[in-house]
Amino acid sequence: MIVRFNIDQIESGQYDYRVTYEGEDLYADAGLASIEECIVAATEGLGQDAVAAEVAYQGIISGTYPLATLALASAQLAEHALNTTTAVEEVCK
């Protein structure tokens, strides 16, 4: 199963995430301090059925990653998600 981490900034310095599978919410949390914290928390909540996750920030998917990569490179994936969303938003202006 490949899930999606839907991460959003709800206010300055406050983020939330929802983990979904085929459009259905599995679990969520709010009030985290960074995109990286959302990735870590979302990864920790996954069951054994999940093998990978799409990471989406502000509705823009930055990539699909195996669980090991999510666990070992959360800071880099968070930066990539932010950079991808920023680049797409710049093009759309």
N, C-alpha and C. Protein backbone atom coordinates (compact mmCIF):
# COMPACT_ATOMS: atom_id res chain seq x y z
N MET A 1 0.84 -1.17 0.00
CA MET A 1 0.00 0.00 0.00
C MET A 1 0.90 1.25 0.00
N ILE A 2 0.55 2.21 -0.86
CA ILE A 2 1.24 3.50 -0.90
C ILE A 2 0.26 4.55 -0.40
N VAL A 3 0.62 5.20 0.68
CA VAL A 3 -0.24 6.22 1.30
C VAL A 3 0.22 7.61 0.85
N ARG A 4 -0.55 8.62 1.20
CA ARG A 4 -0.15 9.99 0.92
C ARG A 4 -0.10 10.78 2.22
N PHE A 5 0.99 11.53 2.41
CA PHE A 5 1.11 12.47 3.51
C PHE A 5 0.71 13.84 2.96
N ASN A 6 -0.42 14.35 3.39
CA ASN A 6 -0.90 15.68 2.99
C ASN A 6 -0.52 16.66 4.10
N ILE A 7 0.48 17.50 3.84
CA ILE A 7 1.01 18.42 4.84
C ILE A 7 0.63 19.86 4.45
N ASP A 8 0.17 20.62 5.43
CA ASP A 8 -0.20 22.01 5.20
C ASP A 8 0.32 22.88 6.33
N GLN A 9 0.60 24.12 5.98
CA GLN A 9 0.94 25.11 7.01
C GLN A 9 -0.36 25.79 7.42
N ILE A 10 -0.70 25.68 8.70
CA ILE A 10 -1.97 26.25 9.14
C ILE A 10 -1.81 27.68 9.65
N GLU A 11 -0.63 28.02 10.10
CA GLU A 11 -0.25 29.39 10.44
C GLU A 11 1.27 29.40 10.57
N SER A 12 1.86 30.55 10.77
CA SER A 12 3.30 30.64 10.85
C SER A 12 3.85 29.71 11.93
N GLY A 13 4.71 28.78 11.53
CA GLY A 13 5.33 27.86 12.48
C GLY A 13 4.43 26.74 12.96
N GLN A 14 3.27 26.57 12.36
CA GLN A 14 2.34 25.51 12.75
C GLN A 14 1.90 24.73 11.51
N TYR A 15 2.07 23.42 11.56
CA TYR A 15 1.76 22.56 10.43
C TYR A 15 0.83 21.44 10.89
N ASP A 16 0.08 20.92 9.91
CA ASP A 16 -0.71 19.73 10.19
C ASP A 16 -0.49 18.74 9.06
N TYR A 17 -0.88 17.50 9.31
CA TYR A 17 -0.80 16.49 8.27
C TYR A 17 -1.99 15.54 8.39
N ARG A 18 -2.31 14.95 7.24
CA ARG A 18 -3.28 13.86 7.17
C ARG A 18 -2.62 12.75 6.37
N VAL A 19 -2.78 11.55 6.81
CA VAL A 19 -2.32 10.40 6.05
C VAL A 19 -3.56 9.78 5.42
N THR A 20 -3.52 9.63 4.10
CA THR A 20 -4.67 9.09 3.38
C THR A 20 -4.26 7.89 2.54
N TYR A 21 -5.25 7.08 2.24
CA TYR A 21 -5.07 5.96 1.32
C TYR A 21 -6.30 5.91 0.43
N GLU A 22 -6.07 6.04 -0.87
CA GLU A 22 -7.15 6.06 -1.85
C GLU A 22 -8.23 7.07 -1.46
N GLY A 23 -7.79 8.25 -1.01
CA GLY A 23 -8.69 9.34 -0.68
C GLY A 23 -9.35 9.29 0.69
N GLU A 24 -9.13 8.22 1.43
CA GLU A 24 -9.73 8.09 2.76
C GLU A 24 -8.70 8.43 3.83
N ASP A 25 -9.13 9.25 4.79
CA ASP A 25 -8.24 9.60 5.90
C ASP A 25 -7.97 8.39 6.79
N LEU A 26 -6.69 8.16 7.10
CA LEU A 26 -6.30 7.10 8.03
C LEU A 26 -6.06 7.68 9.41
N TYR A 27 -5.28 8.77 9.49
CA TYR A 27 -5.03 9.47 10.75
C TYR A 27 -4.43 10.82 10.44
N ALA A 28 -4.41 11.69 11.45
CA ALA A 28 -3.93 13.06 11.26
C ALA A 28 -3.44 13.63 12.58
N ASP A 29 -2.74 14.76 12.48
CA ASP A 29 -2.32 15.49 13.66
C ASP A 29 -2.10 16.94 13.25
N ALA A 30 -2.13 17.84 14.22
CA ALA A 30 -1.95 19.27 13.94
C ALA A 30 -1.09 19.90 15.02
N GLY A 31 -0.57 21.07 14.73
CA GLY A 31 0.21 21.82 15.70
C GLY A 31 1.68 21.45 15.73
N LEU A 32 2.17 20.77 14.70
CA LEU A 32 3.59 20.43 14.65
C LEU A 32 4.39 21.64 14.18
N ALA A 33 5.68 21.67 14.52
CA ALA A 33 6.50 22.86 14.29
C ALA A 33 7.17 22.92 12.93
N SER A 34 7.12 21.84 12.14
CA SER A 34 7.82 21.86 10.85
C SER A 34 7.28 20.78 9.92
N ILE A 35 7.63 20.91 8.65
CA ILE A 35 7.29 19.88 7.67
C ILE A 35 7.98 18.58 8.06
N GLU A 36 9.23 18.68 8.48
CA GLU A 36 9.97 17.49 8.88
C GLU A 36 9.27 16.76 10.03
N GLU A 37 8.80 17.48 11.03
CA GLU A 37 8.09 16.84 12.14
C GLU A 37 6.84 16.13 11.65
N CYS A 38 6.17 16.70 10.66
CA CYS A 38 5.00 16.04 10.09
C CYS A 38 5.38 14.74 9.40
N ILE A 39 6.46 14.76 8.64
CA ILE A 39 6.92 13.54 7.95
C ILE A 39 7.28 12.46 8.97
N VAL A 40 8.02 12.84 10.00
CA VAL A 40 8.42 11.87 11.03
C VAL A 40 7.20 11.29 11.73
N ALA A 41 6.28 12.14 12.15
CA ALA A 41 5.09 11.67 12.87
C ALA A 41 4.22 10.80 11.97
N ALA A 42 4.05 11.20 10.73
CA ALA A 42 3.23 10.41 9.80
C ALA A 42 3.87 9.05 9.54
N THR A 43 5.18 9.02 9.39
CA THR A 43 5.88 7.75 9.16
C THR A 43 5.76 6.83 10.37
N GLU A 44 5.90 7.39 11.57
CA GLU A 44 5.83 6.58 12.78
C GLU A 44 4.45 5.94 12.98
N GLY A 45 3.41 6.55 12.44
CA GLY A 45 2.07 6.02 12.61
C GLY A 45 1.66 4.95 11.62
N LEU A 46 2.51 4.69 10.63
CA LEU A 46 2.16 3.73 9.59
C LEU A 46 2.18 2.30 10.10
N GLY A 47 1.25 1.52 9.60
CA GLY A 47 1.23 0.10 9.92
C GLY A 47 2.10 -0.69 8.96
N GLN A 48 2.06 -1.99 9.09
CA GLN A 48 2.91 -2.87 8.29
C GLN A 48 2.48 -2.97 6.84
N ASP A 49 1.26 -2.57 6.52
CA ASP A 49 0.79 -2.66 5.14
C ASP A 49 1.42 -1.63 4.22
N ALA A 50 1.84 -0.52 4.76
CA ALA A 50 2.41 0.56 3.95
C ALA A 50 3.84 0.22 3.55
N VAL A 51 4.16 0.48 2.28
CA VAL A 51 5.52 0.26 1.79
C VAL A 51 6.18 1.56 1.35
N ALA A 52 5.35 2.59 1.09
CA ALA A 52 5.87 3.87 0.62
C ALA A 52 4.82 4.94 0.86
N ALA A 53 5.25 6.21 0.67
CA ALA A 53 4.31 7.32 0.83
C ALA A 53 4.63 8.42 -0.17
N GLU A 54 3.58 9.01 -0.71
CA GLU A 54 3.70 10.23 -1.48
C GLU A 54 3.73 11.37 -0.46
N VAL A 55 4.58 12.34 -0.68
CA VAL A 55 4.64 13.50 0.20
C VAL A 55 4.09 14.69 -0.58
N ALA A 56 3.04 15.31 -0.04
CA ALA A 56 2.43 16.48 -0.67
C ALA A 56 2.43 17.63 0.35
N TYR A 57 2.95 18.78 -0.08
CA TYR A 57 2.93 19.97 0.75
C TYR A 57 2.09 21.03 0.04
N GLN A 58 1.09 21.55 0.75
CA GLN A 58 0.18 22.55 0.20
C GLN A 58 -0.46 22.05 -1.11
N GLY A 59 -0.71 20.73 -1.19
CA GLY A 59 -1.37 20.15 -2.35
C GLY A 59 -0.46 19.78 -3.51
N ILE A 60 0.84 20.04 -3.40
CA ILE A 60 1.80 19.74 -4.46
C ILE A 60 2.61 18.51 -4.06
N ILE A 61 2.54 17.46 -4.84
CA ILE A 61 3.29 16.23 -4.54
C ILE A 61 4.75 16.42 -4.94
N SER A 62 5.64 16.18 -3.98
CA SER A 62 7.07 16.34 -4.26
C SER A 62 7.74 15.01 -4.59
N GLY A 63 7.09 13.89 -4.27
CA GLY A 63 7.67 12.60 -4.61
C GLY A 63 7.04 11.47 -3.84
N THR A 64 7.40 10.26 -4.27
CA THR A 64 6.97 9.03 -3.61
C THR A 64 8.22 8.33 -3.10
N TYR A 65 8.21 7.96 -1.82
CA TYR A 65 9.42 7.46 -1.18
C TYR A 65 9.15 6.19 -0.40
N PRO A 66 10.09 5.23 -0.45
CA PRO A 66 9.97 4.04 0.40
C PRO A 66 10.10 4.43 1.87
N LEU A 67 9.55 3.61 2.74
CA LEU A 67 9.54 3.92 4.17
C LEU A 67 10.94 4.15 4.73
N ALA A 68 11.91 3.38 4.29
CA ALA A 68 13.27 3.54 4.80
C ALA A 68 13.81 4.93 4.48
N THR A 69 13.52 5.44 3.30
CA THR A 69 13.97 6.78 2.92
C THR A 69 13.27 7.83 3.77
N LEU A 70 11.97 7.64 4.00
CA LEU A 70 11.22 8.59 4.84
C LEU A 70 11.83 8.67 6.23
N ALA A 71 12.23 7.53 6.77
CA ALA A 71 12.78 7.49 8.12
C ALA A 71 14.19 8.06 8.19
N LEU A 72 14.99 7.80 7.17
CA LEU A 72 16.41 8.19 7.22
C LEU A 72 16.70 9.58 6.67
N ALA A 73 15.81 10.11 5.84
CA ALA A 73 16.11 11.38 5.16
C ALA A 73 14.97 12.38 5.31
N SER A 74 14.32 12.40 6.46
CA SER A 74 13.15 13.27 6.64
C SER A 74 13.48 14.75 6.46
N ALA A 75 14.64 15.19 6.90
CA ALA A 75 15.01 16.61 6.75
C ALA A 75 15.17 16.98 5.28
N GLN A 76 15.83 16.13 4.52
CA GLN A 76 16.02 16.39 3.09
C GLN A 76 14.69 16.34 2.34
N LEU A 77 13.82 15.42 2.71
CA LEU A 77 12.52 15.31 2.04
C LEU A 77 11.65 16.52 2.37
N ALA A 78 11.74 17.01 3.60
CA ALA A 78 10.98 18.21 3.98
C ALA A 78 11.46 19.41 3.17
N GLU A 79 12.76 19.56 3.04
CA GLU A 79 13.31 20.66 2.25
C GLU A 79 12.90 20.54 0.78
N HIS A 80 12.93 19.32 0.26
CA HIS A 80 12.53 19.09 -1.13
C HIS A 80 11.05 19.43 -1.33
N ALA A 81 10.20 19.05 -0.38
CA ALA A 81 8.77 19.35 -0.48
C ALA A 81 8.54 20.86 -0.50
N LEU A 82 9.22 21.58 0.39
CA LEU A 82 9.09 23.04 0.43
C LEU A 82 9.58 23.67 -0.87
N ASN A 83 10.74 23.23 -1.36
CA ASN A 83 11.30 23.78 -2.59
C ASN A 83 10.41 23.49 -3.79
N THR A 84 9.86 22.29 -3.86
CA THR A 84 8.97 21.92 -4.97
C THR A 84 7.73 22.79 -4.97
N THR A 85 7.09 22.93 -3.81
CA THR A 85 5.88 23.74 -3.72
C THR A 85 6.18 25.20 -4.06
N THR A 86 7.27 25.73 -3.55
CA THR A 86 7.65 27.11 -3.84
C THR A 86 7.87 27.32 -5.33
N ALA A 87 8.56 26.39 -5.98
CA ALA A 87 8.83 26.50 -7.41
C ALA A 87 7.54 26.44 -8.22
N VAL A 88 6.63 25.55 -7.87
CA VAL A 88 5.36 25.44 -8.60
C VAL A 88 4.52 26.70 -8.38
N GLU A 89 4.49 27.20 -7.17
CA GLU A 89 3.71 28.41 -6.89
C GLU A 89 4.27 29.61 -7.65
N GLU A 90 5.59 29.70 -7.81
CA GLU A 90 6.21 30.79 -8.56
C GLU A 90 5.79 30.74 -10.03
N VAL A 91 5.75 29.58 -10.62
CA VAL A 91 5.36 29.41 -12.01
C VAL A 91 3.89 29.77 -12.22
N CYS A 92 3.07 29.50 -11.23
CA CYS A 92 1.64 29.74 -11.34
C CYS A 92 1.24 31.20 -11.13
N LYS A 93 2.16 32.03 -10.72
CA LYS A 93 1.83 33.46 -10.46
C LYS A 93 1.65 34.21 -11.75
